[in-house]
PDB file of N, CA and C in Angstrom:
ATOM      1  N   MET A   1     -23.472 127.231 -72.659  1.00  0.00           N
ATOM      2  CA  MET A   1     -24.086 127.137 -71.499  1.00  0.00           C
ATOM      3  C   MET A   1     -23.664 128.354 -70.797  1.00  0.00           C
ATOM      4  N   GLU A   2     -24.527 128.702 -70.050  1.00  0.00           N
ATOM      5  CA  GLU A   2     -24.762 130.492 -70.268  1.00  0.00           C
ATOM      6  C   GLU A   2     -24.143 129.903 -68.568  1.00  0.00           C
ATOM      7  N   PHE A   3     -23.488 130.780 -67.719  1.00  0.00           N
ATOM      8  CA  PHE A   3     -23.344 130.828 -65.732  1.00  0.00           C
ATOM      9  C   PHE A   3     -23.633 132.884 -66.197  1.00  0.00           C
ATOM     10  N   HIS A   4     -24.052 132.837 -64.436  1.00  0.00           N
ATOM     11  CA  HIS A   4     -24.559 134.401 -64.875  1.00  0.00           C
ATOM     12  C   HIS A   4     -23.745 134.336 -63.065  1.00  0.00           C
ATOM     13  N   VAL A   5     -23.416 135.389 -63.087  1.00  0.00           N
ATOM     14  CA  VAL A   5     -23.556 135.797 -61.679  1.00  0.00           C
ATOM     15  C   VAL A   5     -23.745 136.677 -60.832  1.00  0.00           C
ATOM     16  N   LEU A   6     -24.638 136.212 -59.231  1.00  0.00           N
ATOM     17  CA  LEU A   6     -25.314 137.459 -58.453  1.00  0.00           C
ATOM     18  C   LEU A   6     -24.093 137.555 -57.484  1.00  0.00           C
ATOM     19  N   ALA A   7     -23.598 139.281 -57.173  1.00  0.00           N
ATOM     20  CA  ALA A   7     -23.099 139.056 -56.053  1.00  0.00           C
ATOM     21  C   ALA A   7     -22.844 140.952 -55.457  1.00  0.00           C
ATOM     22  N   GLU A   8     -21.179 140.721 -54.959  1.00  0.00           N
ATOM     23  CA  GLU A   8     -21.189 142.269 -54.820  1.00  0.00           C
ATOM     24  C   GLU A   8     -20.823 142.971 -55.672  1.00  0.00           C
ATOM     25  N   GLU A   9     -20.552 143.941 -56.654  1.00  0.00           N
ATOM     26  CA  GLU A   9     -20.445 144.269 -57.451  1.00  0.00           C
ATOM     27  C   GLU A   9     -19.235 144.322 -58.205  1.00  0.00           C
ATOM     28  N   GLU A  10     -17.552 144.255 -56.843  1.00  0.00           N
ATOM     29  CA  GLU A  10     -16.399 144.069 -57.376  1.00  0.00           C
ATOM     30  C   GLU A  10     -16.461 142.597 -57.820  1.00  0.00           C
ATOM     31  N   VAL A  11     -17.648 141.486 -56.784  1.00  0.00           N
ATOM     32  CA  VAL A  11     -16.842 140.521 -57.711  1.00  0.00           C
ATOM     33  C   VAL A  11     -17.122 140.251 -58.554  1.00  0.00           C
ATOM     34  N   VAL A  12     -19.195 140.687 -59.051  1.00  0.00           N
ATOM     35  CA  VAL A  12     -19.682 140.900 -60.579  1.00  0.00           C
ATOM     36  C   VAL A  12     -18.927 141.272 -61.560  1.00  0.00           C
ATOM     37  N   VAL A  13     -17.597 142.490 -61.850  1.00  0.00           N
ATOM     38  CA  VAL A  13     -16.440 143.154 -62.401  1.00  0.00           C
ATOM     39  C   VAL A  13     -15.741 141.523 -62.876  1.00  0.00           C
ATOM     40  N   GLY A  14     -15.130 141.174 -61.420  1.00  0.00           N
ATOM     41  CA  GLY A  14     -14.652 140.423 -61.600  1.00  0.00           C
ATOM     42  C   GLY A  14     -14.793 139.381 -62.776  1.00  0.00           C
ATOM     43  N   PHE A  15     -15.937 138.950 -62.803  1.00  0.00           N
ATOM     44  CA  PHE A  15     -16.052 137.645 -63.154  1.00  0.00           C
ATOM     45  C   PHE A  15     -16.612 138.418 -64.593  1.00  0.00           C
ATOM     46  N   ARG A  16     -16.585 139.135 -64.686  1.00  0.00           N
ATOM     47  CA  ARG A  16     -16.691 139.798 -66.527  1.00  0.00           C
ATOM     48  C   ARG A  16     -16.270 140.371 -66.997  1.00  0.00           C
ATOM     49  N   PHE A  17     -14.498 140.213 -66.719  1.00  0.00           N
ATOM     50  CA  PHE A  17     -13.231 140.019 -66.955  1.00  0.00           C
ATOM     51  C   PHE A  17     -13.389 138.822 -67.773  1.00  0.00           C
ATOM     52  N   VAL A  18     -13.455 138.135 -67.058  1.00  0.00           N
ATOM     53  CA  VAL A  18     -13.387 136.514 -67.519  1.00  0.00           C
ATOM     54  C   VAL A  18     -14.928 136.070 -68.784  1.00  0.00           C
ATOM     55  N   GLY A  19     -15.512 137.045 -69.176  1.00  0.00           N
ATOM     56  CA  GLY A  19     -16.444 136.631 -69.785  1.00  0.00           C
ATOM     57  C   GLY A  19     -17.851 135.631 -69.308  1.00  0.00           C
ATOM     58  N   VAL A  20     -18.400 136.481 -68.241  1.00  0.00           N
ATOM     59  CA  VAL A  20     -19.324 135.943 -67.133  1.00  0.00           C
ATOM     60  C   VAL A  20     -19.865 137.130 -66.826  1.00  0.00           C
ATOM     61  N   PRO A  21     -20.990 137.313 -67.896  1.00  0.00           N
ATOM     62  CA  PRO A  21     -22.484 138.578 -67.198  1.00  0.00           C
ATOM     63  C   PRO A  21     -22.658 138.166 -65.583  1.00  0.00           C
ATOM     64  N   GLY A  22     -23.055 139.042 -65.614  1.00  0.00           N
ATOM     65  CA  GLY A  22     -23.841 139.069 -63.556  1.00  0.00           C
ATOM     66  C   GLY A  22     -24.530 140.246 -63.270  1.00  0.00           C
ATOM     67  N   THR A  23     -25.036 140.048 -62.410  1.00  0.00           N
ATOM     68  CA  THR A  23     -25.988 141.323 -61.859  1.00  0.00           C
ATOM     69  C   THR A  23     -25.786 141.443 -60.744  1.00  0.00           C
ATOM     70  N   PRO A  24     -24.826 143.016 -60.408  1.00  0.00           N
ATOM     71  CA  PRO A  24     -24.404 143.008 -58.483  1.00  0.00           C
ATOM     72  C   PRO A  24     -25.734 143.540 -57.777  1.00  0.00           C
ATOM     73  N   VAL A  25     -25.824 142.652 -57.033  1.00  0.00           N
ATOM     74  CA  VAL A  25     -26.964 143.184 -55.713  1.00  0.00           C
ATOM     75  C   VAL A  25     -26.481 143.455 -54.396  1.00  0.00           C
ATOM     76  N   ALA A  26     -26.774 144.547 -53.724  1.00  0.00           N
ATOM     77  CA  ALA A  26     -26.798 145.336 -52.653  1.00  0.00           C
ATOM     78  C   ALA A  26     -27.889 145.120 -51.362  1.00  0.00           C
ATOM     79  N   THR A  27     -28.203 145.050 -52.210  1.00  0.00           N
ATOM     80  CA  THR A  27     -30.010 143.862 -50.428  1.00  0.00           C
ATOM     81  C   THR A  27     -30.786 143.269 -50.987  1.00  0.00           C
ATOM     82  N   PRO A  28     -31.594 143.072 -50.339  1.00  0.00           N
ATOM     83  CA  PRO A  28     -32.065 141.445 -50.345  1.00  0.00           C
ATOM     84  C   PRO A  28     -32.967 141.657 -51.150  1.00  0.00           C
ATOM     85  N   GLU A  29     -33.930 142.765 -51.480  1.00  0.00           N
ATOM     86  CA  GLU A  29     -34.869 143.415 -52.930  1.00  0.00           C
ATOM     87  C   GLU A  29     -34.181 143.254 -54.330  1.00  0.00           C
ATOM     88  N   GLU A  30     -32.703 143.534 -54.457  1.00  0.00           N
ATOM     89  CA  GLU A  30     -32.241 143.642 -54.962  1.00  0.00           C
ATOM     90  C   GLU A  30     -31.950 142.454 -55.591  1.00  0.00           C
ATOM     91  N   ALA A  31     -31.351 141.652 -54.216  1.00  0.00           N
ATOM     92  CA  ALA A  31     -31.099 140.365 -55.313  1.00  0.00           C
ATOM     93  C   ALA A  31     -32.379 138.688 -55.092  1.00  0.00           C
ATOM     94  N   LEU A  32     -33.472 139.459 -54.778  1.00  0.00           N
ATOM     95  CA  LEU A  32     -34.430 138.922 -54.701  1.00  0.00           C
ATOM     96  C   LEU A  32     -35.082 138.953 -56.605  1.00  0.00           C
ATOM     97  N   ASP A  33     -34.874 140.376 -57.100  1.00  0.00           N
ATOM     98  CA  ASP A  33     -35.127 140.560 -57.982  1.00  0.00           C
ATOM     99  C   ASP A  33     -34.100 140.151 -58.757  1.00  0.00           C
ATOM    100  N   ALA A  34     -33.052 139.800 -58.671  1.00  0.00           N
ATOM    101  CA  ALA A  34     -31.965 139.170 -59.125  1.00  0.00           C
ATOM    102  C   ALA A  34     -31.528 137.967 -59.689  1.00  0.00           C
ATOM    103  N   PHE A  35     -32.206 136.689 -58.576  1.00  0.00           N
ATOM    104  CA  PHE A  35     -32.742 136.029 -58.816  1.00  0.00           C
ATOM    105  C   PHE A  35     -33.954 135.585 -59.579  1.00  0.00           C
ATOM    106  N   ARG A  36     -34.837 136.007 -59.470  1.00  0.00           N
ATOM    107  CA  ARG A  36     -35.960 135.810 -60.236  1.00  0.00           C
ATOM    108  C   ARG A  36     -36.204 135.894 -61.662  1.00  0.00           C
ATOM    109  N   ASP A  37     -35.047 137.150 -62.510  1.00  0.00           N
ATOM    110  CA  ASP A  37     -34.982 136.901 -63.853  1.00  0.00           C
ATOM    111  C   ASP A  37     -33.541 136.078 -63.706  1.00  0.00           C
ATOM    112  N   ALA A  38     -32.625 136.106 -63.237  1.00  0.00           N
ATOM    113  CA  ALA A  38     -32.027 134.723 -63.944  1.00  0.00           C
ATOM    114  C   ALA A  38     -32.557 133.066 -64.241  1.00  0.00           C
ATOM    115  N   THR A  39     -33.395 133.266 -63.196  1.00  0.00           N
ATOM    116  CA  THR A  39     -34.291 131.823 -62.836  1.00  0.00           C
ATOM    117  C   THR A  39     -35.210 131.696 -63.881  1.00  0.00           C
ATOM    118  N   SER A  40     -35.797 132.810 -64.103  1.00  0.00           N
ATOM    119  CA  SER A  40     -36.744 133.039 -65.429  1.00  0.00           C
ATOM    120  C   SER A  40     -36.704 131.715 -66.521  1.00  0.00           C
ATOM    121  N   PRO A  41     -37.993 131.297 -67.106  1.00  0.00           N
ATOM    122  CA  PRO A  41     -37.450 130.419 -68.320  1.00  0.00           C
ATOM    123  C   PRO A  41     -36.869 130.603 -69.525  1.00  0.00           C
ATOM    124  N   GLU A  42     -37.349 132.257 -69.577  1.00  0.00           N
ATOM    125  CA  GLU A  42     -36.700 132.912 -70.757  1.00  0.00           C
ATOM    126  C   GLU A  42     -35.747 133.206 -70.966  1.00  0.00           C
ATOM    127  N   ARG A  43     -35.069 132.915 -69.432  1.00  0.00           N
ATOM    128  CA  ARG A  43     -33.193 133.298 -69.801  1.00  0.00           C
ATOM    129  C   ARG A  43     -32.487 131.976 -70.322  1.00  0.00           C
ATOM    130  N   ASP A  44     -31.553 132.181 -70.686  1.00  0.00           N
ATOM    131  CA  ASP A  44     -30.755 130.158 -70.832  1.00  0.00           C
ATOM    132  C   ASP A  44     -29.819 130.043 -69.581  1.00  0.00           C
ATOM    133  N   VAL A  45     -30.270 130.403 -68.463  1.00  0.00           N
ATOM    134  CA  VAL A  45     -28.953 130.243 -67.895  1.00  0.00           C
ATOM    135  C   VAL A  45     -28.842 128.986 -67.193  1.00  0.00           C
ATOM    136  N   ARG A  46     -27.553 128.505 -67.398  1.00  0.00           N
ATOM    137  CA  ARG A  46     -27.383 126.966 -66.848  1.00  0.00           C
ATOM    138  C   ARG A  46     -27.263 127.533 -65.489  1.00  0.00           C
ATOM    139  N   VAL A  47     -26.198 127.414 -65.733  1.00  0.00           N
ATOM    140  CA  VAL A  47     -25.478 127.789 -63.643  1.00  0.00           C
ATOM    141  C   VAL A  47     -25.397 128.887 -62.980  1.00  0.00           C
ATOM    142  N   LEU A  48     -26.214 129.551 -61.616  1.00  0.00           N
ATOM    143  CA  LEU A  48     -26.145 130.465 -61.018  1.00  0.00           C
ATOM    144  C   LEU A  48     -25.386 130.198 -60.229  1.00  0.00           C
ATOM    145  N   ILE A  49     -24.635 131.800 -60.453  1.00  0.00           N
ATOM    146  CA  ILE A  49     -23.033 131.508 -59.397  1.00  0.00           C
ATOM    147  C   ILE A  49     -23.672 132.728 -58.021  1.00  0.00           C
ATOM    148  N   LEU A  50     -23.485 132.346 -56.618  1.00  0.00           N
ATOM    149  CA  LEU A  50     -24.391 133.349 -55.766  1.00  0.00           C
ATOM    150  C   LEU A  50     -22.895 133.189 -54.917  1.00  0.00           C
ATOM    151  N   THR A  51     -22.839 134.523 -54.173  1.00  0.00           N
ATOM    152  CA  THR A  51     -21.838 134.743 -53.429  1.00  0.00           C
ATOM    153  C   THR A  51     -22.522 134.027 -52.404  1.00  0.00           C
ATOM    154  N   GLU A  52     -22.127 133.573 -50.689  1.00  0.00           N
ATOM    155  CA  GLU A  52     -22.407 132.855 -49.737  1.00  0.00           C
ATOM    156  C   GLU A  52     -23.808 134.180 -48.861  1.00  0.00           C
ATOM    157  N   GLU A  53     -22.731 135.630 -49.614  1.00  0.00           N
ATOM    158  CA  GLU A  53     -23.162 136.808 -48.849  1.00  0.00           C
ATOM    159  C   GLU A  53     -24.950 136.692 -49.535  1.00  0.00           C
ATOM    160  N   VAL A  54     -25.048 137.199 -51.123  1.00  0.00           N
ATOM    161  CA  VAL A  54     -26.484 137.002 -51.493  1.00  0.00           C
ATOM    162  C   VAL A  54     -26.999 135.470 -50.800  1.00  0.00           C
ATOM    163  N   SER A  55     -26.521 134.608 -51.411  1.00  0.00           N
ATOM    164  CA  SER A  55     -27.222 133.530 -51.074  1.00  0.00           C
ATOM    165  C   SER A  55     -28.450 133.693 -49.706  1.00  0.00           C
ATOM    166  N   ALA A  56     -27.262 134.056 -48.623  1.00  0.00           N
ATOM    167  CA  ALA A  56     -28.034 134.181 -47.430  1.00  0.00           C
ATOM    168  C   ALA A  56     -29.153 135.541 -47.758  1.00  0.00           C
ATOM    169  N   MET A  57     -29.319 136.295 -48.197  1.00  0.00           N
ATOM    170  CA  MET A  57     -30.502 137.042 -48.667  1.00  0.00           C
ATOM    171  C   MET A  57     -31.645 136.877 -49.005  1.00  0.00           C
ATOM    172  N   ILE A  58     -31.785 135.647 -49.418  1.00  0.00           N
ATOM    173  CA  ILE A  58     -32.549 135.098 -50.500  1.00  0.00           C
ATOM    174  C   ILE A  58     -32.618 133.789 -49.847  1.00  0.00           C
ATOM    175  N   GLU A  59     -31.982 133.331 -49.028  1.00  0.00           N
ATOM    176  CA  GLU A  59     -32.108 131.639 -48.336  1.00  0.00           C
ATOM    177  C   GLU A  59     -32.700 130.860 -48.239  1.00  0.00           C
ATOM    178  N   GLU A  60     -34.276 131.624 -47.956  1.00  0.00           N
ATOM    179  CA  GLU A  60     -35.648 130.650 -48.828  1.00  0.00           C
ATOM    180  C   GLU A  60     -35.679 130.425 -50.351  1.00  0.00           C
ATOM    181  N   GLU A  61     -35.519 131.477 -51.002  1.00  0.00           N
ATOM    182  CA  GLU A  61     -36.281 131.546 -52.191  1.00  0.00           C
ATOM    183  C   GLU A  61     -34.980 130.183 -52.997  1.00  0.00           C
ATOM    184  N   VAL A  62     -33.616 130.806 -52.730  1.00  0.00           N
ATOM    185  CA  VAL A  62     -32.313 129.337 -53.061  1.00  0.00           C
ATOM    186  C   VAL A  62     -32.965 128.203 -52.318  1.00  0.00           C
ATOM    187  N   LEU A  63     -33.658 127.892 -51.518  1.00  0.00           N
ATOM    188  CA  LEU A  63     -33.168 126.802 -50.625  1.00  0.00           C
ATOM    189  C   LEU A  63     -34.534 126.076 -52.123  1.00  0.00           C
ATOM    190  N   ASP A  64     -35.525 126.448 -51.758  1.00  0.00           N
ATOM    191  CA  ASP A  64     -36.986 126.574 -52.614  1.00  0.00           C
ATOM    192  C   ASP A  64     -36.741 126.410 -54.184  1.00  0.00           C
ATOM    193  N   TRP A  65     -35.768 126.952 -54.721  1.00  0.00           N
ATOM    194  CA  TRP A  65     -35.058 126.273 -56.169  1.00  0.00           C
ATOM    195  C   TRP A  65     -33.612 125.137 -56.148  1.00  0.00           C
ATOM    196  N   GLN A  66     -33.471 124.799 -55.039  1.00  0.00           N
ATOM    197  CA  GLN A  66     -31.990 124.111 -55.481  1.00  0.00           C
ATOM    198  C   GLN A  66     -33.427 122.386 -54.617  1.00  0.00           C
ATOM    199  N   ALA A  67     -34.198 122.289 -54.185  1.00  0.00           N
ATOM    200  CA  ALA A  67     -35.034 121.407 -53.798  1.00  0.00           C
ATOM    201  C   ALA A  67     -35.975 120.612 -55.647  1.00  0.00           C
ATOM    202  N   SER A  68     -36.409 122.031 -55.982  1.00  0.00           N
ATOM    203  CA  SER A  68     -37.344 121.953 -57.150  1.00  0.00           C
ATOM    204  C   SER A  68     -35.673 120.554 -57.918  1.00  0.00           C
ATOM    205  N   GLY A  69     -35.228 121.182 -58.616  1.00  0.00           N
ATOM    206  CA  GLY A  69     -33.999 119.861 -59.395  1.00  0.00           C
ATOM    207  C   GLY A  69     -34.017 121.310 -60.700  1.00  0.00           C
ATOM    208  N   ASP A  70     -34.775 122.138 -60.669  1.00  0.00           N
ATOM    209  CA  ASP A  70     -34.452 122.625 -62.446  1.00  0.00           C
ATOM    210  C   ASP A  70     -33.160 123.046 -62.527  1.00  0.00           C
ATOM    211  N   TYR A  71     -33.004 123.438 -63.855  1.00  0.00           N
ATOM    212  CA  TYR A  71     -32.189 124.486 -64.527  1.00  0.00           C
ATOM    213  C   TYR A  71     -32.792 126.158 -63.901  1.00  0.00           C
ATOM    214  N   PRO A  72     -31.315 127.245 -63.385  1.00  0.00           N
ATOM    215  CA  PRO A  72     -30.133 126.485 -63.399  1.00  0.00           C
ATOM    216  C   PRO A  72     -29.518 125.997 -62.093  1.00  0.00           C
ATOM    217  N   LEU A  73     -28.188 125.676 -62.774  1.00  0.00           N
ATOM    218  CA  LEU A  73     -27.420 124.842 -61.489  1.00  0.00           C
ATOM    219  C   LEU A  73     -27.410 126.387 -60.039  1.00  0.00           C
ATOM    220  N   ILE A  74     -27.135 125.853 -59.177  1.00  0.00           N
ATOM    221  CA  ILE A  74     -27.178 127.267 -57.795  1.00  0.00           C
ATOM    222  C   ILE A  74     -25.779 126.992 -57.393  1.00  0.00           C
ATOM    223  N   VAL A  75     -24.292 127.476 -57.655  1.00  0.00           N
ATOM    224  CA  VAL A  75     -23.047 127.614 -56.766  1.00  0.00           C
ATOM    225  C   VAL A  75     -22.985 128.785 -56.191  1.00  0.00           C
ATOM    226  N   GLU A  76     -22.366 128.430 -54.840  1.00  0.00           N
ATOM    227  CA  GLU A  76     -22.328 129.282 -53.827  1.00  0.00           C
ATOM    228  C   GLU A  76     -20.279 129.224 -53.902  1.00  0.00           C
ATOM    229  N   ILE A  77     -20.336 130.617 -53.745  1.00  0.00           N
ATOM    230  CA  ILE A  77     -18.728 130.923 -53.756  1.00  0.00           C
ATOM    231  C   ILE A  77     -18.394 131.520 -52.308  1.00  0.00           C
ATOM    232  N   PRO A  78     -17.205 131.802 -51.544  1.00  0.00           N
ATOM    233  CA  PRO A  78     -17.366 132.903 -50.724  1.00  0.00           C
ATOM    234  C   PRO A  78     -17.311 134.444 -51.359  1.00  0.00           C
ATOM    235  N   GLY A  79     -17.570 134.674 -50.984  1.00  0.00           N
ATOM    236  CA  GLY A  79     -17.818 136.439 -51.356  1.00  0.00           C
ATOM    237  C   GLY A  79     -16.128 137.251 -51.134  1.00  0.00           C
ATOM    238  N   LEU A  80     -16.416 138.733 -50.853  1.00  0.00           N
ATOM    239  CA  LEU A  80     -14.734 139.769 -51.042  1.00  0.00           C
ATOM    240  C   LEU A  80     -14.735 138.823 -49.115  1.00  0.00           C
ATOM    241  N   ARG A  81     -15.254 138.948 -48.123  1.00  0.00           N
ATOM    242  CA  ARG A  81     -15.036 138.695 -46.936  1.00  0.00           C
ATOM    243  C   ARG A  81     -14.476 137.108 -46.735  1.00  0.00           C
ATOM    244  N   GLY A  82     -14.188 136.611 -47.516  1.00  0.00           N
ATOM    245  CA  GLY A  82     -14.067 135.080 -47.698  1.00  0.00           C
ATOM    246  C   GLY A  82     -15.803 134.543 -46.927  1.00  0.00           C
ATOM    247  N   ARG A  83     -15.189 133.190 -46.763  1.00  0.00           N
ATOM    248  CA  ARG A  83     -15.732 132.127 -46.308  1.00  0.00           C
ATOM    249  C   ARG A  83     -16.810 132.573 -45.090  1.00  0.00           C
ATOM    250  N   MET A  84     -17.920 132.554 -44.934  1.00  0.00           N
ATOM    251  CA  MET A  84     -18.899 132.672 -43.492  1.00  0.00           C
ATOM    252  C   MET A  84     -18.434 131.671 -42.914  1.00  0.00           C
ATOM    253  N   GLU A  85     -19.059 132.413 -41.942  1.00  0.00           N
ATOM    254  CA  GLU A  85     -19.019 131.525 -40.777  1.00  0.00           C
ATOM    255  C   GLU A  85     -19.951 130.827 -40.681  1.00  0.00           C
ATOM    256  N   GLY A  86     -19.646 129.277 -40.274  1.00  0.00           N
ATOM    257  CA  GLY A  86     -21.064 128.077 -40.489  1.00  0.00           C
ATOM    258  C   GLY A  86     -21.171 127.590 -41.322  1.00  0.00           C
ATOM    259  N   LYS A  87     -20.996 128.142 -42.607  1.00  0.00           N
ATOM    260  CA  LYS A  87     -20.373 127.914 -44.337  1.00  0.00           C
ATOM    261  C   LYS A  87     -19.562 125.922 -44.403  1.00  0.00           C
ATOM    262  N   ARG A  88     -20.482 125.459 -44.629  1.00  0.00           N
ATOM    263  CA  ARG A  88     -19.254 124.261 -45.246  1.00  0.00           C
ATOM    264  C   ARG A  88     -19.066 124.323 -46.288  1.00  0.00           C
ATOM    265  N   SER A  89     -17.773 124.215 -46.430  1.00  0.00           N
ATOM    266  CA  SER A  89     -16.890 123.781 -48.296  1.00  0.00           C
ATOM    267  C   SER A  89     -17.897 122.724 -48.961  1.00  0.00           C
ATOM    268  N   LEU A  90     -17.586 122.861 -50.245  1.00  0.00           N
ATOM    269  CA  LEU A  90     -18.110 121.913 -50.995  1.00  0.00           C
ATOM    270  C   LEU A  90     -17.208 120.368 -50.855  1.00  0.00           C
ATOM    271  N   VAL A  91     -15.598 120.510 -50.974  1.00  0.00           N
ATOM    272  CA  VAL A  91     -15.417 119.539 -50.498  1.00  0.00           C
ATOM    273  C   VAL A  91     -16.112 118.866 -48.504  1.00  0.00           C
ATOM    274  N   ASP A  92     -16.192 119.617 -47.968  1.00  0.00           N
ATOM    275  CA  ASP A  92     -16.033 119.221 -46.700  1.00  0.00           C
ATOM    276  C   ASP A  92     -17.431 118.049 -47.114  1.00  0.00           C
ATOM    277  N   ALA A  93     -18.588 118.965 -47.524  1.00  0.00           N
ATOM    278  CA  ALA A  93     -19.831 118.347 -48.100  1.00  0.00           C
ATOM    279  C   ALA A  93     -19.455 117.257 -48.517  1.00  0.00           C
ATOM    280  N   ILE A  94     -18.565 117.025 -50.221  1.00  0.00           N
ATOM    281  CA  ILE A  94     -18.876 115.596 -50.993  1.00  0.00           C
ATOM    282  C   ILE A  94     -17.728 114.643 -49.283  1.00  0.00           C
ATOM    283  N   ARG A  95     -17.068 114.958 -48.535  1.00  0.00           N
ATOM    284  CA  ARG A  95     -16.444 114.002 -47.604  1.00  0.00           C
ATOM    285  C   ARG A  95     -17.252 113.668 -46.806  1.00  0.00           C
ATOM    286  N   GLU A  96     -17.936 114.559 -46.574  1.00  0.00           N
ATOM    287  CA  GLU A  96     -19.168 113.508 -45.562  1.00  0.00           C
ATOM    288  C   GLU A  96     -20.106 112.491 -45.737  1.00  0.00           C
ATOM    289  N   ALA A  97     -20.758 113.230 -47.032  1.00  0.00           N
ATOM    290  CA  ALA A  97     -21.190 112.490 -48.284  1.00  0.00           C
ATOM    291  C   ALA A  97     -20.662 110.506 -48.081  1.00  0.00           C
ATOM    292  N   VAL A  98     -19.217 110.625 -48.630  1.00  0.00           N
ATOM    293  CA  VAL A  98     -19.114 109.851 -49.442  1.00  0.00           C
ATOM    294  C   VAL A  98     -17.758 109.246 -47.947  1.00  0.00           C
ATOM    295  N   GLY A  99     -17.868 109.872 -46.606  1.00  0.00           N
ATOM    296  CA  GLY A  99     -17.096 109.430 -45.894  1.00  0.00           C
ATOM    297  C   GLY A  99     -16.134 108.914 -45.536  1.00  0.00           C
ATOM    298  N   ILE A 100     -15.517 109.114 -46.792  1.00  0.00           N
ATOM    299  CA  ILE A 100     -13.560 109.964 -46.767  1.00  0.00           C
ATOM    300  C   ILE A 100     -12.916 110.336 -46.589  1.00  0.00           C
ATOM    301  N   HIS A 101     -12.183 110.750 -45.062  1.00  0.00           N
ATOM    302  CA  HIS A 101     -11.322 111.841 -45.136  1.00  0.00           C
ATOM    303  C   HIS A 101      -9.781 111.518 -45.188  1.00  0.00           C
ATOM    304  N   VAL A 102      -9.134 112.117 -46.238  1.00  0.00           N
ATOM    305  CA  VAL A 102      -7.567 112.165 -46.609  1.00  0.00           C
ATOM    306  C   VAL A 102      -7.035 113.282 -45.670  1.00  0.00           C
TER     307      VAL A 102
END
């Protein structure tokens, strides 16, 4: 299973230290180009990791991709500045779906 990261350069470098390739992006145009490259059928990316900031830059494209149900699966992580205000964590989403609060 191949992973790929689209994030700020510092995050991409950190993932490279553990063997996960990535593409640094700084603008919405770079993010969209990198996203389209990572999701192209020629690539074998199965899990695409985006920071919340990058995901927000190309939100419509990401939502369309997630709705399609195709690979790669998209996982959002907090960026260098931490969690973006207004974003739910995965744990919060699961708790809401299951209805259990511990």
